[in-house]
């Protein structure tokens, strides 16, 4: 792993933590993670697919809330987002030394 990849993975964890602490909105988290994911340049296709699946749960939950005009996520979507964040933290953490 390069130092640039290491930095991007650590930034992902910081963004996920900021979201969990209420310091980053879901739409911002989605954008930040997408940018970092695209920039990380990792050849591990299984990891990339797993990350994309979990990230997709965030995106779908946010899109659904927007489409329905919700001010916040419903309980089911909150649980989906929480699981996706946990999964993303695990995936990213597994790549760090």
PDB file of N, CA and C in Angstrom:
ATOM      1  N   UNK A   1       0.835  -1.175   0.000  1.00  0.00           N
ATOM      2  CA  UNK A   1       0.000   0.000   0.000  1.00  0.00           C
ATOM      3  C   UNK A   1       0.883   1.242   0.000  1.00  0.00           C
ATOM      4  N   UNK A   2       0.472   2.217  -0.790  1.00  0.00           N
ATOM      5  CA  UNK A   2       1.230   3.460  -0.845  1.00  0.00           C
ATOM      6  C   UNK A   2       0.817   4.387   0.298  1.00  0.00           C
ATOM      7  N   UNK A   3       1.634   5.380   0.550  1.00  0.00           N
ATOM      8  CA  UNK A   3       1.283   6.341   1.597  1.00  0.00           C
ATOM      9  C   UNK A   3       0.048   7.154   1.190  1.00  0.00           C
ATOM     10  N   UNK A   4      -0.135   7.365  -0.102  1.00  0.00           N
ATOM     11  CA  UNK A   4      -1.323   8.075  -0.581  1.00  0.00           C
ATOM     12  C   UNK A   4      -2.583   7.255  -0.309  1.00  0.00           C
ATOM     13  N   UNK A   5      -2.530   5.969  -0.567  1.00  0.00           N
ATOM     14  CA  UNK A   5      -3.672   5.100  -0.284  1.00  0.00           C
ATOM     15  C   UNK A   5      -3.962   5.081   1.209  1.00  0.00           C
ATOM     16  N   UNK A   6      -2.914   4.953   2.007  1.00  0.00           N
ATOM     17  CA  UNK A   6      -3.056   4.961   3.455  1.00  0.00           C
ATOM     18  C   UNK A   6      -3.768   6.246   3.904  1.00  0.00           C
ATOM     19  N   UNK A   7      -3.344   7.363   3.365  1.00  0.00           N
ATOM     20  CA  UNK A   7      -3.954   8.652   3.711  1.00  0.00           C
ATOM     21  C   UNK A   7      -5.440   8.678   3.333  1.00  0.00           C
ATOM     22  N   UNK A   8      -5.760   8.184   2.170  1.00  0.00           N
ATOM     23  CA  UNK A   8      -7.161   8.184   1.721  1.00  0.00           C
ATOM     24  C   UNK A   8      -8.027   7.265   2.592  1.00  0.00           C
ATOM     25  N   UNK A   9      -7.489   6.114   2.961  1.00  0.00           N
ATOM     26  CA  UNK A   9      -8.236   5.216   3.845  1.00  0.00           C
ATOM     27  C   UNK A   9      -8.470   5.875   5.207  1.00  0.00           C
ATOM     28  N   UNK A  10      -7.460   6.540   5.721  1.00  0.00           N
ATOM     29  CA  UNK A  10      -7.614   7.221   7.007  1.00  0.00           C
ATOM     30  C   UNK A  10      -8.627   8.360   6.906  1.00  0.00           C
ATOM     31  N   UNK A  11      -8.643   9.052   5.777  1.00  0.00           N
ATOM     32  CA  UNK A  11      -9.635  10.105   5.557  1.00  0.00           C
ATOM     33  C   UNK A  11     -11.049   9.512   5.515  1.00  0.00           C
ATOM     34  N   UNK A  12     -11.195   8.343   4.909  1.00  0.00           N
ATOM     35  CA  UNK A  12     -12.501   7.674   4.889  1.00  0.00           C
ATOM     36  C   UNK A  12     -12.972   7.411   6.316  1.00  0.00           C
ATOM     37  N   UNK A  13     -12.079   6.887   7.146  1.00  0.00           N
ATOM     38  CA  UNK A  13     -12.447   6.610   8.538  1.00  0.00           C
ATOM     39  C   UNK A  13     -12.813   7.887   9.287  1.00  0.00           C
ATOM     40  N   UNK A  14     -12.086   8.967   9.023  1.00  0.00           N
ATOM     41  CA  UNK A  14     -12.414  10.245   9.661  1.00  0.00           C
ATOM     42  C   UNK A  14     -13.799  10.726   9.238  1.00  0.00           C
ATOM     43  N   UNK A  15     -14.104  10.596   7.969  1.00  0.00           N
ATOM     44  CA  UNK A  15     -15.421  11.025   7.469  1.00  0.00           C
ATOM     45  C   UNK A  15     -16.533  10.171   8.076  1.00  0.00           C
ATOM     46  N   UNK A  16     -16.314   8.878   8.150  1.00  0.00           N
ATOM     47  CA  UNK A  16     -17.314   7.987   8.748  1.00  0.00           C
ATOM     48  C   UNK A  16     -17.523   8.320  10.223  1.00  0.00           C
ATOM     49  N   UNK A  17     -16.435   8.576  10.929  1.00  0.00           N
ATOM     50  CA  UNK A  17     -16.525   8.964  12.337  1.00  0.00           C
ATOM     51  C   UNK A  17     -17.242  10.297  12.508  1.00  0.00           C
ATOM     52  N   UNK A  18     -16.955  11.243  11.639  1.00  0.00           N
ATOM     53  CA  UNK A  18     -17.618  12.550  11.705  1.00  0.00           C
ATOM     54  C   UNK A  18     -19.117  12.394  11.472  1.00  0.00           C
ATOM     55  N   UNK A  19     -19.494  11.510  10.572  1.00  0.00           N
ATOM     56  CA  UNK A  19     -20.919  11.253  10.342  1.00  0.00           C
ATOM     57  C   UNK A  19     -21.561  10.656  11.592  1.00  0.00           C
ATOM     58  N   UNK A  20     -20.902   9.670  12.171  1.00  0.00           N
ATOM     59  CA  UNK A  20     -21.443   9.025  13.371  1.00  0.00           C
ATOM     60  C   UNK A  20     -21.599  10.008  14.526  1.00  0.00           C
ATOM     61  N   UNK A  21     -20.716  10.993  14.591  1.00  0.00           N
ATOM     62  CA  UNK A  21     -20.763  11.986  15.664  1.00  0.00           C
ATOM     63  C   UNK A  21     -21.671  13.166  15.345  1.00  0.00           C
ATOM     64  N   UNK A  22     -22.351  13.110  14.211  1.00  0.00           N
ATOM     65  CA  UNK A  22     -23.259  14.184  13.834  1.00  0.00           C
ATOM     66  C   UNK A  22     -22.578  15.414  13.284  1.00  0.00           C
ATOM     67  N   UNK A  23     -21.307  15.290  12.932  1.00  0.00           N
ATOM     68  CA  UNK A  23     -20.549  16.429  12.422  1.00  0.00           C
ATOM     69  C   UNK A  23     -20.542  16.496  10.897  1.00  0.00           C
ATOM     70  N   UNK A  24     -21.111  15.500  10.239  1.00  0.00           N
ATOM     71  CA  UNK A  24     -21.136  15.449   8.787  1.00  0.00           C
ATOM     72  C   UNK A  24     -22.491  14.888   8.364  1.00  0.00           C
ATOM     73  N   UNK A  25     -23.140  15.577   7.444  1.00  0.00           N
ATOM     74  CA  UNK A  25     -24.448  15.146   6.951  1.00  0.00           C
ATOM     75  C   UNK A  25     -24.287  13.961   5.998  1.00  0.00           C
ATOM     76  N   UNK A  26     -25.359  13.195   5.844  1.00  0.00           N
ATOM     77  CA  UNK A  26     -25.327  12.007   4.998  1.00  0.00           C
ATOM     78  C   UNK A  26     -24.969  12.346   3.559  1.00  0.00           C
ATOM     79  N   UNK A  27     -25.539  13.408   3.009  1.00  0.00           N
ATOM     80  CA  UNK A  27     -25.218  13.755   1.620  1.00  0.00           C
ATOM     81  C   UNK A  27     -23.737  14.090   1.456  1.00  0.00           C
ATOM     82  N   UNK A  28     -23.161  14.760   2.430  1.00  0.00           N
ATOM     83  CA  UNK A  28     -21.729  15.076   2.379  1.00  0.00           C
ATOM     84  C   UNK A  28     -20.884  13.821   2.526  1.00  0.00           C
ATOM     85  N   UNK A  29     -21.298  12.929   3.419  1.00  0.00           N
ATOM     86  CA  UNK A  29     -20.574  11.669   3.592  1.00  0.00           C
ATOM     87  C   UNK A  29     -20.548  10.892   2.283  1.00  0.00           C
ATOM     88  N   UNK A  30     -21.680  10.810   1.625  1.00  0.00           N
ATOM     89  CA  UNK A  30     -21.773  10.079   0.362  1.00  0.00           C
ATOM     90  C   UNK A  30     -20.792  10.657  -0.650  1.00  0.00           C
ATOM     91  N   UNK A  31     -20.779  11.967  -0.797  1.00  0.00           N
ATOM     92  CA  UNK A  31     -19.884  12.619  -1.760  1.00  0.00           C
ATOM     93  C   UNK A  31     -18.416  12.432  -1.388  1.00  0.00           C
ATOM     94  N   UNK A  32     -18.111  12.611  -0.122  1.00  0.00           N
ATOM     95  CA  UNK A  32     -16.718  12.480   0.331  1.00  0.00           C
ATOM     96  C   UNK A  32     -16.196  11.068   0.103  1.00  0.00           C
ATOM     97  N   UNK A  33     -17.006  10.069   0.476  1.00  0.00           N
ATOM     98  CA  UNK A  33     -16.572   8.682   0.310  1.00  0.00           C
ATOM     99  C   UNK A  33     -16.427   8.316  -1.155  1.00  0.00           C
ATOM    100  N   UNK A  34     -17.331   8.802  -1.989  1.00  0.00           N
ATOM    101  CA  UNK A  34     -17.242   8.506  -3.415  1.00  0.00           C
ATOM    102  C   UNK A  34     -15.947   9.066  -3.997  1.00  0.00           C
ATOM    103  N   UNK A  35     -15.611  10.297  -3.649  1.00  0.00           N
ATOM    104  CA  UNK A  35     -14.384  10.904  -4.137  1.00  0.00           C
ATOM    105  C   UNK A  35     -13.146  10.150  -3.679  1.00  0.00           C
ATOM    106  N   UNK A  36     -13.117   9.796  -2.413  1.00  0.00           N
ATOM    107  CA  UNK A  36     -11.968   9.053  -1.882  1.00  0.00           C
ATOM    108  C   UNK A  36     -11.878   7.657  -2.489  1.00  0.00           C
ATOM    109  N   UNK A  37     -13.022   7.013  -2.643  1.00  0.00           N
ATOM    110  CA  UNK A  37     -13.059   5.679  -3.257  1.00  0.00           C
ATOM    111  C   UNK A  37     -12.481   5.729  -4.666  1.00  0.00           C
ATOM    112  N   UNK A  38     -12.916   6.709  -5.445  1.00  0.00           N
ATOM    113  CA  UNK A  38     -12.440   6.826  -6.826  1.00  0.00           C
ATOM    114  C   UNK A  38     -10.962   7.179  -6.895  1.00  0.00           C
ATOM    115  N   UNK A  39     -10.446   7.851  -5.880  1.00  0.00           N
ATOM    116  CA  UNK A  39      -9.057   8.283  -5.881  1.00  0.00           C
ATOM    117  C   UNK A  39      -8.093   7.270  -5.274  1.00  0.00           C
ATOM    118  N   UNK A  40      -8.596   6.260  -4.577  1.00  0.00           N
ATOM    119  CA  UNK A  40      -7.716   5.365  -3.824  1.00  0.00           C
ATOM    120  C   UNK A  40      -6.907   4.440  -4.734  1.00  0.00           C
ATOM    121  N   UNK A  41      -7.380   4.157  -5.947  1.00  0.00           N
ATOM    122  CA  UNK A  41      -6.631   3.374  -6.925  1.00  0.00           C
ATOM    123  C   UNK A  41      -6.159   2.038  -6.348  1.00  0.00           C
ATOM    124  N   UNK A  42      -7.122   1.225  -5.951  1.00  0.00           N
ATOM    125  CA  UNK A  42      -6.842  -0.072  -5.355  1.00  0.00           C
ATOM    126  C   UNK A  42      -7.249  -1.173  -6.319  1.00  0.00           C
ATOM    127  N   UNK A  43      -6.392  -2.172  -6.500  1.00  0.00           N
ATOM    128  CA  UNK A  43      -6.648  -3.251  -7.455  1.00  0.00           C
ATOM    129  C   UNK A  43      -7.527  -4.372  -6.905  1.00  0.00           C
ATOM    130  N   UNK A  44      -7.848  -4.352  -5.642  1.00  0.00           N
ATOM    131  CA  UNK A  44      -8.618  -5.414  -5.001  1.00  0.00           C
ATOM    132  C   UNK A  44     -10.096  -5.302  -5.408  1.00  0.00           C
ATOM    133  N   UNK A  45     -10.488  -6.048  -6.443  1.00  0.00           N
ATOM    134  CA  UNK A  45     -11.851  -5.953  -6.977  1.00  0.00           C
ATOM    135  C   UNK A  45     -12.910  -6.393  -5.975  1.00  0.00           C
ATOM    136  N   UNK A  46     -12.647  -7.417  -5.188  1.00  0.00           N
ATOM    137  CA  UNK A  46     -13.614  -7.860  -4.184  1.00  0.00           C
ATOM    138  C   UNK A  46     -13.871  -6.750  -3.166  1.00  0.00           C
ATOM    139  N   UNK A  47     -12.799  -6.126  -2.716  1.00  0.00           N
ATOM    140  CA  UNK A  47     -12.932  -5.040  -1.754  1.00  0.00           C
ATOM    141  C   UNK A  47     -13.715  -3.885  -2.373  1.00  0.00           C
ATOM    142  N   UNK A  48     -13.382  -3.534  -3.604  1.00  0.00           N
ATOM    143  CA  UNK A  48     -14.062  -2.431  -4.288  1.00  0.00           C
ATOM    144  C   UNK A  48     -15.560  -2.710  -4.425  1.00  0.00           C
ATOM    145  N   UNK A  49     -15.927  -3.933  -4.752  1.00  0.00           N
ATOM    146  CA  UNK A  49     -17.346  -4.292  -4.884  1.00  0.00           C
ATOM    147  C   UNK A  49     -18.059  -4.237  -3.537  1.00  0.00           C
ATOM    148  N   UNK A  50     -17.412  -4.745  -2.496  1.00  0.00           N
ATOM    149  CA  UNK A  50     -18.007  -4.705  -1.161  1.00  0.00           C
ATOM    150  C   UNK A  50     -18.197  -3.262  -0.688  1.00  0.00           C
ATOM    151  N   UNK A  51     -17.183  -2.435  -0.940  1.00  0.00           N
ATOM    152  CA  UNK A  51     -17.280  -1.030  -0.566  1.00  0.00           C
ATOM    153  C   UNK A  51     -18.427  -0.371  -1.323  1.00  0.00           C
ATOM    154  N   UNK A  52     -18.484  -0.602  -2.616  1.00  0.00           N
ATOM    155  CA  UNK A  52     -19.508   0.016  -3.460  1.00  0.00           C
ATOM    156  C   UNK A  52     -20.911  -0.409  -3.035  1.00  0.00           C
ATOM    157  N   UNK A  53     -21.066  -1.681  -2.640  1.00  0.00           N
ATOM    158  CA  UNK A  53     -22.365  -2.162  -2.163  1.00  0.00           C
ATOM    159  C   UNK A  53     -22.793  -1.421  -0.896  1.00  0.00           C
ATOM    160  N   UNK A  54     -21.890  -1.290   0.054  1.00  0.00           N
ATOM    161  CA  UNK A  54     -22.217  -0.601   1.306  1.00  0.00           C
ATOM    162  C   UNK A  54     -22.454   0.889   1.052  1.00  0.00           C
ATOM    163  N   UNK A  55     -21.620   1.492   0.226  1.00  0.00           N
ATOM    164  CA  UNK A  55     -21.795   2.896  -0.127  1.00  0.00           C
ATOM    165  C   UNK A  55     -23.151   3.089  -0.818  1.00  0.00           C
ATOM    166  N   UNK A  56     -23.528   2.137  -1.647  1.00  0.00           N
ATOM    167  CA  UNK A  56     -24.807   2.203  -2.346  1.00  0.00           C
ATOM    168  C   UNK A  56     -25.982   2.231  -1.389  1.00  0.00           C
ATOM    169  N   UNK A  57     -25.875   1.539  -0.271  1.00  0.00           N
ATOM    170  CA  UNK A  57     -26.943   1.579   0.730  1.00  0.00           C
ATOM    171  C   UNK A  57     -27.116   2.999   1.283  1.00  0.00           C
ATOM    172  N   UNK A  58     -26.009   3.720   1.434  1.00  0.00           N
ATOM    173  CA  UNK A  58     -26.090   5.117   1.870  1.00  0.00           C
ATOM    174  C   UNK A  58     -26.791   5.957   0.805  1.00  0.00           C
ATOM    175  N   UNK A  59     -26.360   5.792  -0.421  1.00  0.00           N
ATOM    176  CA  UNK A  59     -26.895   6.570  -1.543  1.00  0.00           C
ATOM    177  C   UNK A  59     -28.388   6.314  -1.744  1.00  0.00           C
ATOM    178  N   UNK A  60     -28.779   5.050  -1.704  1.00  0.00           N
ATOM    179  CA  UNK A  60     -30.183   4.694  -1.901  1.00  0.00           C
ATOM    180  C   UNK A  60     -31.045   5.251  -0.767  1.00  0.00           C
ATOM    181  N   UNK A  61     -30.565   5.143   0.453  1.00  0.00           N
ATOM    182  CA  UNK A  61     -31.324   5.662   1.594  1.00  0.00           C
ATOM    183  C   UNK A  61     -31.522   7.166   1.475  1.00  0.00           C
ATOM    184  N   UNK A  62     -30.471   7.871   1.088  1.00  0.00           N
ATOM    185  CA  UNK A  62     -30.561   9.322   0.936  1.00  0.00           C
ATOM    186  C   UNK A  62     -31.494   9.690  -0.219  1.00  0.00           C
ATOM    187  N   UNK A  63     -31.355   8.994  -1.344  1.00  0.00           N
ATOM    188  CA  UNK A  63     -32.203   9.271  -2.506  1.00  0.00           C
ATOM    189  C   UNK A  63     -33.678   9.021  -2.188  1.00  0.00           C
ATOM    190  N   UNK A  64     -33.951   7.964  -1.468  1.00  0.00           N
ATOM    191  CA  UNK A  64     -35.322   7.655  -1.085  1.00  0.00           C
ATOM    192  C   UNK A  64     -35.901   8.760  -0.201  1.00  0.00           C
ATOM    193  N   UNK A  65     -35.114   9.213   0.755  1.00  0.00           N
ATOM    194  CA  UNK A  65     -35.569  10.284   1.638  1.00  0.00           C
ATOM    195  C   UNK A  65     -35.854  11.555   0.833  1.00  0.00           C
ATOM    196  N   UNK A  66     -34.984  11.888  -0.095  1.00  0.00           N
ATOM    197  CA  UNK A  66     -35.208  13.066  -0.929  1.00  0.00           C
ATOM    198  C   UNK A  66     -36.464  12.921  -1.772  1.00  0.00           C
ATOM    199  N   UNK A  67     -36.601  11.750  -2.371  1.00  0.00           N
ATOM    200  CA  UNK A  67     -37.739  11.494  -3.249  1.00  0.00           C
ATOM    201  C   UNK A  67     -39.072  11.599  -2.506  1.00  0.00           C
ATOM    202  N   UNK A  68     -39.073  11.170  -1.264  1.00  0.00           N
ATOM    203  CA  UNK A  68     -40.310  11.184  -0.477  1.00  0.00           C
ATOM    204  C   UNK A  68     -40.503  12.477   0.312  1.00  0.00           C
ATOM    205  N   UNK A  69     -39.541  13.367   0.199  1.00  0.00           N
ATOM    206  CA  UNK A  69     -39.655  14.647   0.885  1.00  0.00           C
ATOM    207  C   UNK A  69     -39.473  14.576   2.389  1.00  0.00           C
ATOM    208  N   UNK A  70     -38.795  13.552   2.860  1.00  0.00           N
ATOM    209  CA  UNK A  70     -38.573  13.383   4.294  1.00  0.00           C
ATOM    210  C   UNK A  70     -37.544  14.385   4.793  1.00  0.00           C
ATOM    211  N   UNK A  71     -37.751  14.866   5.991  1.00  0.00           N
ATOM    212  CA  UNK A  71     -36.767  15.737   6.647  1.00  0.00           C
ATOM    213  C   UNK A  71     -35.640  14.913   7.272  1.00  0.00           C
ATOM    214  N   UNK A  72     -35.950  13.662   7.596  1.00  0.00           N
ATOM    215  CA  UNK A  72     -34.954  12.741   8.153  1.00  0.00           C
ATOM    216  C   UNK A  72     -35.317  11.325   7.716  1.00  0.00           C
ATOM    217  N   UNK A  73     -34.409  10.412   7.924  1.00  0.00           N
ATOM    218  CA  UNK A  73     -34.632   9.025   7.544  1.00  0.00           C
ATOM    219  C   UNK A  73     -35.617   8.353   8.485  1.00  0.00           C
ATOM    220  N   UNK A  74     -36.371   7.405   7.971  1.00  0.00           N
ATOM    221  CA  UNK A  74     -37.235   6.621   8.845  1.00  0.00           C
ATOM    222  C   UNK A  74     -36.386   5.592   9.594  1.00  0.00           C
ATOM    223  N   UNK A  75     -36.994   4.881  10.521  1.00  0.00           N
ATOM    224  CA  UNK A  75     -36.254   3.946  11.373  1.00  0.00           C
ATOM    225  C   UNK A  75     -35.557   2.848  10.570  1.00  0.00           C
ATOM    226  N   UNK A  76     -36.225   2.334   9.568  1.00  0.00           N
ATOM    227  CA  UNK A  76     -35.633   1.273   8.741  1.00  0.00           C
ATOM    228  C   UNK A  76     -34.398   1.787   8.011  1.00  0.00           C
ATOM    229  N   UNK A  77     -34.515   2.959   7.416  1.00  0.00           N
ATOM    230  CA  UNK A  77     -33.373   3.543   6.681  1.00  0.00           C
ATOM    231  C   UNK A  77     -32.248   3.920   7.635  1.00  0.00           C
ATOM    232  N   UNK A  78     -32.587   4.367   8.827  1.00  0.00           N
ATOM    233  CA  UNK A  78     -31.553   4.666   9.837  1.00  0.00           C
ATOM    234  C   UNK A  78     -30.732   3.418  10.137  1.00  0.00           C
ATOM    235  N   UNK A  79     -31.412   2.280  10.268  1.00  0.00           N
ATOM    236  CA  UNK A  79     -30.722   1.020  10.540  1.00  0.00           C
ATOM    237  C   UNK A  79     -29.863   0.601   9.351  1.00  0.00           C
ATOM    238  N   UNK A  80     -30.366   0.788   8.146  1.00  0.00           N
ATOM    239  CA  UNK A  80     -29.603   0.440   6.941  1.00  0.00           C
ATOM    240  C   UNK A  80     -28.345   1.301   6.854  1.00  0.00           C
ATOM    241  N   UNK A  81     -28.494   2.584   7.113  1.00  0.00           N
ATOM    242  CA  UNK A  81     -27.351   3.497   7.079  1.00  0.00           C
ATOM    243  C   UNK A  81     -26.343   3.128   8.163  1.00  0.00           C
ATOM    244  N   UNK A  82     -26.812   2.846   9.360  1.00  0.00           N
ATOM    245  CA  UNK A  82     -25.907   2.475  10.452  1.00  0.00           C
ATOM    246  C   UNK A  82     -25.119   1.217  10.114  1.00  0.00           C
ATOM    247  N   UNK A  83     -25.787   0.225   9.530  1.00  0.00           N
ATOM    248  CA  UNK A  83     -25.087  -1.001   9.139  1.00  0.00           C
ATOM    249  C   UNK A  83     -24.085  -0.722   8.032  1.00  0.00           C
ATOM    250  N   UNK A  84     -24.470   0.098   7.067  1.00  0.00           N
ATOM    251  CA  UNK A  84     -23.557   0.434   5.976  1.00  0.00           C
ATOM    252  C   UNK A  84     -22.313   1.143   6.502  1.00  0.00           C
ATOM    253  N   UNK A  85     -22.495   2.049   7.445  1.00  0.00           N
ATOM    254  CA  UNK A  85     -21.355   2.760   8.040  1.00  0.00           C
ATOM    255  C   UNK A  85     -20.449   1.773   8.773  1.00  0.00           C
ATOM    256  N   UNK A  86     -21.035   0.878   9.534  1.00  0.00           N
ATOM    257  CA  UNK A  86     -20.255  -0.148  10.229  1.00  0.00           C
ATOM    258  C   UNK A  86     -19.489  -1.018   9.231  1.00  0.00           C
ATOM    259  N   UNK A  87     -20.163  -1.425   8.172  1.00  0.00           N
ATOM    260  CA  UNK A  87     -19.513  -2.246   7.144  1.00  0.00           C
ATOM    261  C   UNK A  87     -18.376  -1.488   6.469  1.00  0.00           C
ATOM    262  N   UNK A  88     -18.605  -0.223   6.157  1.00  0.00           N
ATOM    263  CA  UNK A  88     -17.566   0.587   5.513  1.00  0.00           C
ATOM    264  C   UNK A  88     -16.359   0.775   6.432  1.00  0.00           C
ATOM    265  N   UNK A  89     -16.619   1.027   7.713  1.00  0.00           N
ATOM    266  CA  UNK A  89     -15.512   1.161   8.660  1.00  0.00           C
ATOM    267  C   UNK A  89     -14.703  -0.128   8.734  1.00  0.00           C
ATOM    268  N   UNK A  90     -15.371  -1.252   8.710  1.00  0.00           N
ATOM    269  CA  UNK A  90     -14.691  -2.543   8.755  1.00  0.00           C
ATOM    270  C   UNK A  90     -13.865  -2.777   7.489  1.00  0.00           C
ATOM    271  N   UNK A  91     -14.437  -2.468   6.342  1.00  0.00           N
ATOM    272  CA  UNK A  91     -13.728  -2.647   5.071  1.00  0.00           C
ATOM    273  C   UNK A  91     -12.493  -1.753   5.000  1.00  0.00           C
ATOM    274  N   UNK A  92     -12.665  -0.512   5.380  1.00  0.00           N
ATOM    275  CA  UNK A  92     -11.541   0.425   5.329  1.00  0.00           C
ATOM    276  C   UNK A  92     -10.496   0.045   6.375  1.00  0.00           C
ATOM    277  N   UNK A  93     -10.933  -0.267   7.568  1.00  0.00           N
ATOM    278  CA  UNK A  93     -10.009  -0.646   8.629  1.00  0.00           C
ATOM    279  C   UNK A  93      -9.173  -1.861   8.277  1.00  0.00           C
ATOM    280  N   UNK A  94      -9.757  -2.774   7.528  1.00  0.00           N
ATOM    281  CA  UNK A  94      -9.030  -3.989   7.119  1.00  0.00           C
ATOM    282  C   UNK A  94      -7.885  -3.670   6.161  1.00  0.00           C
ATOM    283  N   UNK A  95      -7.930  -2.536   5.516  1.00  0.00           N
ATOM    284  CA  UNK A  95      -6.869  -2.161   4.575  1.00  0.00           C
ATOM    285  C   UNK A  95      -5.733  -1.397   5.241  1.00  0.00           C
ATOM    286  N   UNK A  96      -5.949  -0.971   6.455  1.00  0.00           N
ATOM    287  CA  UNK A  96      -4.908  -0.207   7.157  1.00  0.00           C
ATOM    288  C   UNK A  96      -3.997  -1.132   7.950  1.00  0.00           C
ATOM    289  N   UNK A  97      -2.721  -0.779   8.026  1.00  0.00           N
ATOM    290  CA  UNK A  97      -1.780  -1.619   8.773  1.00  0.00           C
ATOM    291  C   UNK A  97      -2.049  -1.613  10.258  1.00  0.00           C
TER     292      UNK A  97
END
